[in-house]
Every structure is written in C-alpha cells, then in structure tokens.
Amino acid sequence: MLIHPQFDPVAMRLGPISVHWYGLMYLVAFGCFLLLMRRRIKLHWVQGWSSKDIDDLLFYGVLGVIVGGRLGEVLFYEPLKYLAAPLEVFKVWKGGMSFHGGLIGVIVAMAWLARSRGRSFFEVADVVAPCVPTGLLAGRIGNFINGELWGRPAPADLPWAMVFPQAGDALPRHPSQLYQGLSEGLLLFVLLWWFASRPRARGAVSGMFLIGYGSLRFCTEFFRNPDHFDIGLHGSGLTQGQTLCLLMVAAGGAILAWSRRQEGRP
C-alpha cells in the first residue's frame, strides 16, 4: 500500500506570511482560466469580447467562487458547525469549499456581467464553460496535497490504494481526489473543449457542462468517503454531493432540450 506523502500545507513562507498550496492551486486555476478565455474569444463566431471583459469576468468570478463556495459549504454541508463558531467561516485557507456553492456564485457573476454588457446569459456562459474544468483539476490537486477528502476503503491489493493518516486509521483507501481531478477536471475539459470547438446553439455548451460534470462527479462520489453520512437522500445511500449532481444533470438536460428548440430560430 502507498502512504500519503503528508505534504506541508504551506508551500512557502515570506516573513510572517504563509503561502498555502491550497491558495496556490486557486491561482493556477484562475491563470488557466485567463489563458483559455483568451483563446476562446479568438474563435470567429465568438464576437464582441475584449480583454477588459475577461478581466472583469475573472474578478467577479473569483468573488463568486470564494463567497459562493464558502457559503455552499456552510449551508449545504455543515450549518451547525459554523453556527457554533461563525468566525471559522472566514478561514478559507483551511479548505472547506463547496463546488456547487461556487457554481452558484459564478452563475451570479456571469449574469451580472451579461446584463452590464447587454448580452444574454447563455452567450456568456457558453464561452466560459469550457474554461472551467482545468480549475477543478487544480482544486482536486490541492485537496490531495492537503490529504483531505480521501476515498472510501479500497482492497489492499489495489496497486494505488493509499493510507491517509488524516483519516485516523490505517485503512487503504481510494485516492478519490485524483479520480475526481482526472474525470471532472481533465476528462471533462477535453470533452467540453472538443464539443465547443465549433458553433453550437445557444445554451448547448452550458447544458453539456452541467450534464458532464454532474454525471462524472456522481460516479466518482462512490469512491469518495462521504463528508457527512447523515446528509443526503434518506435510505438511498447517496451523498449530498450526488444529490446536488442529480439536480445539475436534470438542469443541464432541460437547458440542452431548450437549446435544441432554438436551433434554426433567428
């Protein structure tokens, strides 16, 4: 069995300032987003975008990710914990960010930018969606470095089974952070970038993102140790994350159906 390397969560120290790996992964995610967005707006059917639009979108998107992600963690997963210690809400460097909450925050940011620029929401979302998965990959690498969100117990003879000391036991476990990074990060990026490489009906790329992420995350959650066994669909065995992913897939399917009806319309 492999043993988690137990990386120091602090990547570097600059005097009294500690730079955490988790924070660096966010910087990597935002840097990848900038580079990919600059490529997206060069496509001949993506018109009217400027560098300022991208910078503004990144700024408000970052706020949406951080505020939405943290509030999602508080409201979806651990409301009683943070109600008992409200100041813990602001300690984002300790981890504890909900993807689904961050997604809601980003949706609000895109809606604001779309309205301020006189665009439709899906005109913005369809450009942005393929640029998101690389950031999810960076986030999962950060989870792995921190030794958090470890997987469920795995067969001891699984070549990549790993013991996570943070789990408080010596059980071999699935490195589910890597599973999720490779699927909802790398694989989703490849598929969505390919899908969005030619003109699509408005909303199609956004719908495919929701379906793709929701489906992949739903599957990998079976290998991830549930954050809270007492949250989710009663008696179904599904985690809270899987429940939210089912809603994502349903929403993505509805958007894709609406998008197909728009094809051919002026």
Protein backbone atom coordinates (compact mmCIF):
# COMPACT_ATOMS: atom_id res chain seq x y z
CA MET A 1 0.00 0.00 0.00
CA LEU A 2 1.05 3.56 -0.63
CA ILE A 3 1.22 6.13 2.15
CA HIS A 4 0.08 9.68 1.55
CA PRO A 5 3.26 11.83 1.40
CA GLN A 6 1.95 14.23 4.06
CA PHE A 7 2.96 17.37 2.23
CA ASP A 8 3.47 20.51 4.24
CA PRO A 9 0.28 22.50 3.52
CA VAL A 10 2.42 25.66 3.46
CA ALA A 11 4.21 25.96 0.12
CA MET A 12 6.42 28.88 1.17
CA ARG A 13 6.85 31.43 3.92
CA LEU A 14 7.53 35.07 3.18
CA GLY A 15 8.36 36.52 6.57
CA PRO A 16 5.15 36.44 8.62
CA ILE A 17 3.11 35.43 5.57
CA SER A 18 2.45 31.76 4.84
CA VAL A 19 1.50 30.81 1.29
CA HIS A 20 -0.56 27.61 1.30
CA TRP A 21 -0.66 25.07 -1.50
CA TYR A 22 -4.45 25.30 -1.48
CA GLY A 23 -4.24 29.01 -2.26
CA LEU A 24 -1.65 28.43 -4.97
CA MET A 25 -3.96 25.95 -6.67
CA TYR A 26 -6.60 28.67 -6.83
CA LEU A 27 -4.06 30.96 -8.52
CA VAL A 28 -3.26 28.17 -11.00
CA ALA A 29 -6.98 27.72 -11.66
CA PHE A 30 -7.53 31.42 -12.33
CA GLY A 31 -4.40 31.61 -14.50
CA CYS A 32 -5.60 28.69 -16.64
CA PHE A 33 -8.98 30.35 -16.96
CA LEU A 34 -7.40 33.57 -18.28
CA LEU A 35 -5.30 31.74 -20.86
CA LEU A 36 -8.17 29.60 -22.10
CA MET A 37 -10.61 32.51 -22.26
CA ARG A 38 -8.17 34.47 -24.40
CA ARG A 39 -8.12 31.54 -26.82
CA ARG A 40 -11.90 31.19 -26.79
CA ILE A 41 -12.58 34.79 -27.78
CA LYS A 42 -10.33 34.41 -30.84
CA LEU A 43 -12.80 31.98 -32.42
CA HIS A 44 -14.53 33.65 -35.34
CA TRP A 45 -18.05 33.03 -34.03
CA VAL A 46 -17.25 34.45 -30.57
CA GLN A 47 -17.62 38.17 -31.17
CA GLY A 48 -17.52 41.37 -29.19
CA TRP A 49 -15.29 40.24 -26.32
CA SER A 50 -12.43 42.40 -25.08
CA SER A 51 -9.59 41.84 -22.63
CA LYS A 52 -11.43 44.08 -20.17
CA ASP A 53 -14.48 41.83 -20.36
CA ILE A 54 -12.31 38.84 -19.44
CA ASP A 55 -10.60 40.72 -16.60
CA ASP A 56 -13.95 41.85 -15.20
CA LEU A 57 -15.37 38.34 -15.52
CA LEU A 58 -12.36 36.89 -13.69
CA PHE A 59 -12.63 39.45 -10.89
CA TYR A 60 -16.32 38.85 -10.25
CA GLY A 61 -15.92 35.13 -10.90
CA VAL A 62 -13.24 34.91 -8.20
CA LEU A 63 -15.59 36.62 -5.77
CA GLY A 64 -18.35 34.24 -6.79
CA VAL A 65 -16.15 31.16 -6.33
CA ILE A 66 -14.87 32.20 -2.90
CA VAL A 67 -18.09 33.63 -1.45
CA GLY A 68 -20.38 31.08 -3.08
CA GLY A 69 -18.07 28.15 -2.38
CA ARG A 70 -17.76 29.02 1.28
CA LEU A 71 -21.45 29.73 1.76
CA GLY A 72 -22.26 26.49 -0.04
CA GLU A 73 -20.08 24.58 2.40
CA VAL A 74 -21.81 26.30 5.31
CA LEU A 75 -25.39 25.88 4.06
CA PHE A 76 -25.20 22.54 2.22
CA TYR A 77 -22.88 20.59 4.49
CA GLU A 78 -22.05 22.00 7.94
CA PRO A 79 -24.54 24.66 9.06
CA LEU A 80 -24.45 23.64 12.73
CA LYS A 81 -20.65 23.66 12.90
CA TYR A 82 -20.36 27.19 11.55
CA LEU A 83 -23.33 28.41 13.54
CA ALA A 84 -21.44 27.39 16.68
CA ALA A 85 -18.20 29.07 15.50
CA PRO A 86 -19.10 31.83 13.00
CA LEU A 87 -15.53 33.12 12.65
CA GLU A 88 -14.50 29.78 11.12
CA VAL A 89 -16.46 30.79 8.01
CA PHE A 90 -13.68 33.24 7.09
CA LYS A 91 -10.79 30.74 7.43
CA VAL A 92 -10.90 29.62 3.80
CA TRP A 93 -7.22 28.58 3.86
CA LYS A 94 -8.24 25.57 5.92
CA GLY A 95 -10.29 24.24 2.99
CA GLY A 96 -13.99 23.60 3.04
CA MET A 97 -15.30 24.93 -0.25
CA SER A 98 -18.40 23.57 -1.94
CA PHE A 99 -18.25 23.26 -5.73
CA HIS A 100 -22.00 23.62 -6.04
CA GLY A 101 -21.96 26.79 -3.93
CA GLY A 102 -19.09 28.15 -6.02
CA LEU A 103 -21.05 27.34 -9.17
CA ILE A 104 -23.99 29.39 -7.93
CA GLY A 105 -21.59 32.26 -7.17
CA VAL A 106 -20.13 32.09 -10.69
CA ILE A 107 -23.62 31.98 -12.23
CA VAL A 108 -24.45 35.21 -10.37
CA ALA A 109 -21.19 36.77 -11.61
CA MET A 110 -21.91 35.77 -15.23
CA ALA A 111 -25.48 37.05 -15.00
CA TRP A 112 -24.22 40.39 -13.73
CA LEU A 113 -21.61 40.68 -16.49
CA ALA A 114 -24.12 39.66 -19.16
CA ARG A 115 -26.57 42.32 -18.02
CA SER A 116 -23.91 45.03 -17.77
CA ARG A 117 -22.68 44.25 -21.29
CA GLY A 118 -26.10 43.89 -22.88
CA ARG A 119 -25.62 40.18 -23.62
CA SER A 120 -27.79 37.15 -22.94
CA PHE A 121 -26.78 34.94 -20.04
CA PHE A 122 -26.02 31.91 -22.20
CA GLU A 123 -23.94 34.00 -24.58
CA VAL A 124 -21.57 34.49 -21.67
CA ALA A 125 -21.94 31.06 -20.06
CA ASP A 126 -21.25 29.18 -23.30
CA VAL A 127 -17.93 30.97 -23.71
CA VAL A 128 -16.95 30.43 -20.08
CA ALA A 129 -17.97 26.80 -19.52
CA PRO A 130 -15.11 25.04 -21.40
CA CYS A 131 -12.56 27.12 -19.46
CA VAL A 132 -13.71 25.90 -16.04
CA PRO A 133 -12.63 22.20 -15.76
CA THR A 134 -8.87 22.91 -15.59
CA GLY A 135 -9.57 24.91 -12.45
CA LEU A 136 -11.43 21.93 -11.00
CA LEU A 137 -8.37 19.78 -11.69
CA ALA A 138 -6.17 22.27 -9.83
CA GLY A 139 -8.59 22.27 -6.90
CA ARG A 140 -8.53 18.47 -6.61
CA ILE A 141 -4.72 18.51 -6.66
CA GLY A 142 -4.94 20.95 -3.76
CA ASN A 143 -7.26 18.54 -1.92
CA PHE A 144 -4.75 15.72 -2.46
CA ILE A 145 -1.82 17.80 -1.23
CA ASN A 146 -3.79 18.65 1.92
CA GLY A 147 -4.65 14.98 2.42
CA GLU A 148 -8.35 15.86 2.65
CA LEU A 149 -11.49 14.44 1.04
CA TRP A 150 -9.91 10.99 0.98
CA GLY A 151 -11.62 8.00 -0.57
CA ARG A 152 -13.55 5.07 0.80
CA PRO A 153 -11.74 1.89 1.90
CA ALA A 154 -10.17 0.04 -1.04
CA PRO A 155 -8.89 -3.54 -1.49
CA ALA A 156 -5.40 -3.80 -0.04
CA ASP A 157 -4.12 -5.35 -3.28
CA LEU A 158 -5.21 -2.34 -5.36
CA PRO A 159 -1.84 -1.04 -6.65
CA TRP A 160 -2.68 2.61 -5.97
CA ALA A 161 -4.56 2.11 -2.69
CA MET A 162 -3.32 4.72 -0.24
CA VAL A 163 -3.32 5.20 3.52
CA PHE A 164 -4.31 8.73 4.57
CA PRO A 165 -3.10 9.34 8.16
CA GLN A 166 -5.56 12.23 8.45
CA ALA A 167 -8.36 9.65 8.32
CA GLY A 168 -7.27 8.39 11.74
CA ASP A 169 -6.89 4.76 10.70
CA ALA A 170 -4.53 2.60 8.66
CA LEU A 171 -7.08 1.53 6.08
CA PRO A 172 -6.08 1.50 2.41
CA ARG A 173 -8.30 3.96 0.59
CA HIS A 174 -9.07 5.15 -2.91
CA PRO A 175 -7.20 8.41 -3.73
CA SER A 176 -10.54 9.83 -4.81
CA GLN A 177 -9.17 13.36 -5.10
CA LEU A 178 -7.13 12.14 -8.08
CA TYR A 179 -10.09 10.23 -9.53
CA GLN A 180 -12.16 13.39 -9.42
CA GLY A 181 -9.37 15.58 -10.75
CA LEU A 182 -8.82 13.31 -13.75
CA SER A 183 -12.54 12.92 -14.51
CA GLU A 184 -14.33 16.17 -13.69
CA GLY A 185 -11.14 18.10 -14.42
CA LEU A 186 -9.05 16.67 -17.24
CA LEU A 187 -11.59 14.41 -18.99
CA LEU A 188 -14.38 16.97 -18.79
CA PHE A 189 -12.06 19.64 -20.16
CA VAL A 190 -11.10 17.52 -23.18
CA LEU A 191 -14.71 16.58 -23.97
CA LEU A 192 -16.15 20.04 -23.44
CA TRP A 193 -13.35 21.82 -25.32
CA TRP A 194 -13.93 19.48 -28.25
CA PHE A 195 -17.72 19.98 -28.10
CA ALA A 196 -17.29 23.76 -28.02
CA SER A 197 -14.71 23.80 -30.83
CA ARG A 198 -17.40 24.62 -33.40
CA PRO A 199 -20.52 26.80 -33.26
CA ARG A 200 -23.37 25.40 -31.17
CA ALA A 201 -26.90 26.57 -30.46
CA ARG A 202 -27.12 28.99 -27.56
CA GLY A 203 -27.12 27.16 -24.23
CA ALA A 204 -25.81 23.85 -25.64
CA VAL A 205 -22.29 24.18 -24.21
CA SER A 206 -23.64 25.23 -20.81
CA GLY A 207 -26.07 22.32 -20.76
CA MET A 208 -23.32 19.87 -21.66
CA PHE A 209 -21.14 21.23 -18.87
CA LEU A 210 -23.85 20.62 -16.29
CA ILE A 211 -24.58 17.14 -17.61
CA GLY A 212 -20.89 16.21 -17.91
CA TYR A 213 -19.82 17.46 -14.52
CA GLY A 214 -22.90 16.15 -12.75
CA SER A 215 -22.54 12.68 -14.28
CA LEU A 216 -18.79 12.35 -13.66
CA ARG A 217 -18.99 13.68 -10.12
CA PHE A 218 -21.94 11.42 -9.36
CA CYS A 219 -19.85 8.37 -10.37
CA THR A 220 -16.63 9.33 -8.59
CA GLU A 221 -18.52 10.08 -5.37
CA PHE A 222 -18.95 6.32 -4.95
CA PHE A 223 -15.19 6.16 -4.31
CA ARG A 224 -15.02 9.23 -2.07
CA ASN A 225 -15.57 8.97 1.65
CA PRO A 226 -18.77 10.94 2.36
CA ASP A 227 -18.09 14.19 4.17
CA HIS A 228 -21.21 13.62 6.26
CA PHE A 229 -23.03 10.30 6.38
CA ASP A 230 -26.14 11.93 7.82
CA ILE A 231 -26.74 14.24 4.84
CA GLY A 232 -28.34 13.20 1.57
CA LEU A 233 -31.36 11.25 0.43
CA HIS A 234 -32.68 9.21 3.33
CA GLY A 235 -32.14 5.50 2.82
CA SER A 236 -30.78 5.91 -0.72
CA GLY A 237 -27.08 5.71 0.11
CA LEU A 238 -26.39 8.84 -1.94
CA THR A 239 -24.19 11.62 -0.62
CA GLN A 240 -25.18 15.27 -0.53
CA GLY A 241 -22.83 15.88 -3.45
CA GLN A 242 -24.56 13.20 -5.52
CA THR A 243 -27.96 14.66 -4.73
CA LEU A 244 -26.83 18.07 -5.97
CA CYS A 245 -25.26 16.46 -9.05
CA LEU A 246 -28.56 14.86 -9.99
CA LEU A 247 -30.11 18.32 -9.94
CA MET A 248 -27.26 19.54 -12.15
CA VAL A 249 -27.85 16.77 -14.70
CA ALA A 250 -31.59 17.50 -14.75
CA ALA A 251 -30.96 21.23 -15.22
CA GLY A 252 -28.40 20.52 -17.94
CA GLY A 253 -30.82 18.24 -19.77
CA ALA A 254 -33.54 20.90 -19.65
CA ILE A 255 -31.15 23.56 -20.97
CA LEU A 256 -29.96 21.26 -23.76
CA ALA A 257 -33.55 20.49 -24.79
CA TRP A 258 -34.35 24.21 -24.82
CA SER A 259 -31.18 24.87 -26.82
CA ARG A 260 -32.14 22.36 -29.50
CA ARG A 261 -35.51 24.03 -29.89
CA GLN A 262 -33.69 27.33 -30.51
CA GLU A 263 -31.66 25.94 -33.43
CA GLY A 264 -32.74 27.50 -36.66
CA ARG A 265 -34.54 30.37 -34.95
CA PRO A 266 -33.32 33.92 -35.66
